[in-house]
């Protein structure tokens, strides 16, 4: 079953074509789910959460992206749950494009709480 899912995912990835939205002034919105594990010395159990992402194309090869995510982790020893959050921003450029394959490089900064 997992082999089949990987095969389908790879086929979709390699057959992708650039979206019409990838032009100056357009925006992309996305959502995601997340899960995390923590070192036991932190007295935190696994955490689950989600977040959102927005990207704005400056032109076809440059996009500025912002992402925000939140996760709630339960604690051992009867302590209150902990909320973990992160906010990041980055600039991503496409260095090389050949059909559906692109090499991209980005940099940015983030903060977590």
Protein backbone atom coordinates (compact mmCIF):
# COMPACT_ATOMS: atom_id res chain seq x y z
CA UNK A 1 0.00 0.00 0.00
CA UNK A 2 2.78 2.47 0.91
CA UNK A 3 4.68 1.60 -2.28
CA UNK A 4 1.58 2.39 -4.32
CA UNK A 5 1.11 5.76 -2.58
CA UNK A 6 4.76 6.69 -3.18
CA UNK A 7 4.48 5.72 -6.85
CA UNK A 8 1.34 7.83 -7.35
CA UNK A 9 2.89 10.77 -5.47
CA UNK A 10 6.06 10.62 -7.57
CA UNK A 11 4.03 10.45 -10.79
CA UNK A 12 2.04 13.55 -9.78
CA UNK A 13 5.23 15.39 -8.76
CA UNK A 14 7.09 14.70 -12.00
CA UNK A 15 4.11 15.40 -14.24
CA UNK A 16 3.33 18.77 -12.66
CA UNK A 17 3.28 21.82 -14.89
CA UNK A 18 3.67 25.43 -13.74
CA UNK A 19 0.41 26.82 -12.42
CA UNK A 20 -1.20 29.78 -14.11
CA UNK A 21 -0.94 31.62 -10.79
CA UNK A 22 2.85 31.80 -11.04
CA UNK A 23 3.02 35.27 -12.47
CA UNK A 24 3.64 38.76 -11.05
CA UNK A 25 1.08 39.93 -8.49
CA UNK A 26 -0.67 36.60 -7.92
CA UNK A 27 -0.98 34.88 -4.56
CA UNK A 28 -1.02 31.29 -3.35
CA UNK A 29 -2.71 30.15 -0.15
CA UNK A 30 -2.10 26.85 1.59
CA UNK A 31 -2.84 24.94 4.77
CA UNK A 32 -1.02 22.11 6.48
CA UNK A 33 -1.19 19.72 9.41
CA UNK A 34 1.79 18.96 11.64
CA UNK A 35 2.88 16.51 14.29
CA UNK A 36 5.93 16.61 16.53
CA UNK A 37 7.77 14.64 19.14
CA UNK A 38 9.88 16.10 21.90
CA UNK A 39 12.75 14.90 24.04
CA UNK A 40 11.45 13.32 27.28
CA UNK A 41 13.64 15.69 29.34
CA UNK A 42 11.24 18.49 28.30
CA UNK A 43 8.32 16.60 29.93
CA UNK A 44 6.32 16.97 26.70
CA UNK A 45 4.43 14.25 24.86
CA UNK A 46 3.69 14.28 21.14
CA UNK A 47 1.99 17.36 19.74
CA UNK A 48 -0.44 17.98 16.88
CA UNK A 49 -1.44 21.15 15.10
CA UNK A 50 -1.72 23.00 11.83
CA UNK A 51 -1.14 26.26 10.11
CA UNK A 52 -1.33 28.32 6.97
CA UNK A 53 0.90 29.74 4.29
CA UNK A 54 0.65 32.64 1.86
CA UNK A 55 2.97 33.39 -1.03
CA UNK A 56 3.02 36.38 -3.36
CA UNK A 57 4.82 36.28 -6.69
CA UNK A 58 7.02 39.29 -7.39
CA UNK A 59 7.56 37.82 -10.87
CA UNK A 60 7.65 34.27 -12.28
CA UNK A 61 11.01 33.48 -10.62
CA UNK A 62 10.69 35.26 -7.24
CA UNK A 63 8.14 34.69 -4.49
CA UNK A 64 7.89 36.03 -0.95
CA UNK A 65 6.28 33.60 1.52
CA UNK A 66 4.93 33.81 5.05
CA UNK A 67 3.94 30.83 7.17
CA UNK A 68 2.31 30.50 10.59
CA UNK A 69 1.86 27.26 12.50
CA UNK A 70 0.54 26.25 15.92
CA UNK A 71 0.86 22.98 17.81
CA UNK A 72 -0.53 21.82 21.15
CA UNK A 73 1.54 19.32 23.13
CA UNK A 74 0.37 17.52 26.26
CA UNK A 75 2.67 17.27 29.28
CA UNK A 76 3.59 14.52 31.65
CA UNK A 77 3.26 14.71 35.45
CA UNK A 78 -0.22 16.29 35.20
CA UNK A 79 1.12 19.66 34.01
CA UNK A 80 -0.89 21.95 31.71
CA UNK A 81 -0.65 21.54 27.93
CA UNK A 82 1.80 23.72 26.03
CA UNK A 83 1.11 25.62 22.81
CA UNK A 84 4.04 25.92 20.41
CA UNK A 85 3.90 28.42 17.56
CA UNK A 86 6.11 29.63 14.76
CA UNK A 87 6.03 32.50 12.29
CA UNK A 88 8.43 32.56 9.33
CA UNK A 89 9.06 34.68 6.28
CA UNK A 90 11.30 33.95 3.31
CA UNK A 91 12.24 35.01 -0.20
CA UNK A 92 12.54 32.17 -2.72
CA UNK A 93 14.06 32.39 -6.18
CA UNK A 94 14.03 29.91 -9.04
CA UNK A 95 17.60 29.43 -10.24
CA UNK A 96 16.97 26.91 -13.01
CA UNK A 97 13.85 25.57 -14.70
CA UNK A 98 13.60 22.69 -17.18
CA UNK A 99 10.03 21.62 -17.87
CA UNK A 100 8.40 20.47 -14.61
CA UNK A 101 11.73 20.45 -12.71
CA UNK A 102 13.07 23.56 -10.98
CA UNK A 103 15.97 24.31 -8.66
CA UNK A 104 14.96 26.86 -6.06
CA UNK A 105 16.93 28.68 -3.37
CA UNK A 106 15.45 30.66 -0.52
CA UNK A 107 16.34 32.40 2.69
CA UNK A 108 14.47 34.01 5.51
CA UNK A 109 13.93 34.26 9.22
CA UNK A 110 11.49 32.99 11.77
CA UNK A 111 10.38 33.19 15.36
CA UNK A 112 8.84 30.58 17.63
CA UNK A 113 7.07 30.73 20.95
